[in-house]
């Protein structure tokens, strides 16, 4: 059974940091590119960051470049998103996504709220 379980979300003040984790099971993690998406109320889901398989190459949306860092630990089948200098506009539900060719797996999402 495929599972992607996000953790580490919550409420943080502007300028603060959070580290999201996505623990996975039920598929060959190292063979999948991993991505983080987010969806704010009333908005479409958008790609935040992605990381490749073996090479670990990364890509970021312009709105998080320099603030967020995606990483993966293939031994733990886990992907991370370190979020620094958070802004109220980063408030959203964050989703973990695994992709390999036409196969997609999604986590259930976790709330991140940036507010004073």
Protein backbone atom coordinates (compact mmCIF):
# COMPACT_ATOMS: atom_id res chain seq x y z
CA UNK A 1 0.00 0.00 0.00
CA UNK A 2 1.42 3.34 -1.07
CA UNK A 3 1.64 5.92 1.69
CA UNK A 4 2.99 9.47 1.80
CA UNK A 5 2.62 11.11 5.19
CA UNK A 6 3.50 14.77 5.67
CA UNK A 7 4.49 16.22 9.03
CA UNK A 8 6.05 19.36 10.48
CA UNK A 9 3.43 21.91 9.54
CA UNK A 10 1.73 24.36 11.85
CA UNK A 11 1.53 28.01 12.79
CA UNK A 12 4.61 30.21 12.54
CA UNK A 13 5.23 33.94 12.67
CA UNK A 14 6.42 35.84 9.60
CA UNK A 15 10.16 35.46 9.21
CA UNK A 16 10.14 32.11 10.96
CA UNK A 17 11.06 28.64 9.75
CA UNK A 18 9.47 25.23 9.43
CA UNK A 19 10.74 21.91 8.15
CA UNK A 20 8.24 19.66 6.43
CA UNK A 21 8.86 15.94 6.14
CA UNK A 22 7.17 13.40 3.92
CA UNK A 23 7.70 9.81 4.97
CA UNK A 24 6.84 7.30 2.26
CA UNK A 25 6.30 3.58 1.90
CA UNK A 26 4.87 1.07 -0.53
CA UNK A 27 6.93 2.03 -3.57
CA UNK A 28 10.58 2.26 -4.61
CA UNK A 29 11.29 5.74 -3.30
CA UNK A 30 14.71 6.11 -4.93
CA UNK A 31 13.16 5.61 -8.38
CA UNK A 32 10.77 8.53 -8.04
CA UNK A 33 11.30 12.22 -8.40
CA UNK A 34 9.78 14.00 -5.43
CA UNK A 35 7.93 17.30 -5.36
CA UNK A 36 6.23 19.63 -2.94
CA UNK A 37 3.10 21.45 -4.02
CA UNK A 38 0.90 23.87 -2.16
CA UNK A 39 -2.65 25.11 -2.41
CA UNK A 40 -3.92 28.26 -0.79
CA UNK A 41 -7.64 28.88 -0.23
CA UNK A 42 -9.32 29.85 -3.48
CA UNK A 43 -6.21 29.19 -5.53
CA UNK A 44 -4.98 26.37 -7.72
CA UNK A 45 -2.39 23.90 -6.54
CA UNK A 46 1.09 25.06 -7.49
CA UNK A 47 4.51 23.46 -7.64
CA UNK A 48 6.88 24.65 -4.93
CA UNK A 49 9.99 22.53 -5.37
CA UNK A 50 11.20 19.28 -6.90
CA UNK A 51 14.16 16.95 -6.55
CA UNK A 52 15.40 14.28 -8.93
CA UNK A 53 16.29 10.69 -8.19
CA UNK A 54 19.94 9.71 -8.37
CA UNK A 55 21.46 13.07 -9.22
CA UNK A 56 19.30 14.90 -6.72
CA UNK A 57 18.96 17.88 -9.02
CA UNK A 58 16.56 20.45 -7.64
CA UNK A 59 14.13 22.99 -9.02
CA UNK A 60 12.22 25.76 -7.28
CA UNK A 61 9.37 28.09 -8.01
CA UNK A 62 10.53 31.67 -8.27
CA UNK A 63 8.51 32.68 -5.24
CA UNK A 64 10.53 30.40 -2.91
CA UNK A 65 14.01 30.60 -4.41
CA UNK A 66 16.57 31.43 -1.75
CA UNK A 67 14.14 30.70 1.07
CA UNK A 68 13.14 27.04 0.68
CA UNK A 69 15.35 23.96 0.28
CA UNK A 70 14.19 20.53 -0.82
CA UNK A 71 16.20 17.43 0.06
CA UNK A 72 15.75 13.69 0.20
CA UNK A 73 17.05 10.75 2.18
CA UNK A 74 16.69 7.62 0.07
CA UNK A 75 17.71 5.40 3.00
CA UNK A 76 14.72 6.71 4.97
CA UNK A 77 12.39 7.06 1.95
CA UNK A 78 11.73 10.61 3.08
CA UNK A 79 11.71 14.00 1.40
CA UNK A 80 12.05 17.29 3.24
CA UNK A 81 11.23 20.91 2.65
CA UNK A 82 13.13 23.41 4.76
CA UNK A 83 11.23 26.69 4.72
CA UNK A 84 12.96 29.83 5.94
CA UNK A 85 11.93 33.49 6.03
CA UNK A 86 8.29 32.48 5.79
CA UNK A 87 5.77 35.05 4.63
CA UNK A 88 2.00 35.25 5.12
CA UNK A 89 1.68 34.46 1.39
CA UNK A 90 3.22 31.04 2.09
CA UNK A 91 0.10 30.05 4.01
CA UNK A 92 -1.33 26.98 2.30
CA UNK A 93 -1.81 23.26 2.49
CA UNK A 94 1.44 21.62 1.41
CA UNK A 95 1.38 18.33 -0.45
CA UNK A 96 4.09 15.76 -1.04
CA UNK A 97 4.12 14.17 -4.50
CA UNK A 98 6.05 11.24 -5.98
CA UNK A 99 6.32 11.00 -9.75
CA UNK A 100 7.71 8.44 -12.15
CA UNK A 101 6.69 8.64 -15.81
CA UNK A 102 2.86 8.53 -15.69
CA UNK A 103 2.60 7.38 -12.09
CA UNK A 104 1.71 9.91 -9.41
CA UNK A 105 1.35 9.42 -5.66
CA UNK A 106 0.07 12.13 -3.32
CA UNK A 107 0.14 12.74 0.38
CA UNK A 108 -2.91 13.97 2.26
CA UNK A 109 -1.48 17.44 2.77
CA UNK A 110 -0.47 19.46 5.81
CA UNK A 111 -1.42 22.97 6.82
CA UNK A 112 1.18 25.72 7.08
CA UNK A 113 -0.05 29.03 8.46
CA UNK A 114 2.17 32.09 8.59
CA UNK A 115 0.65 34.75 10.79
CA UNK A 116 1.48 37.08 13.63
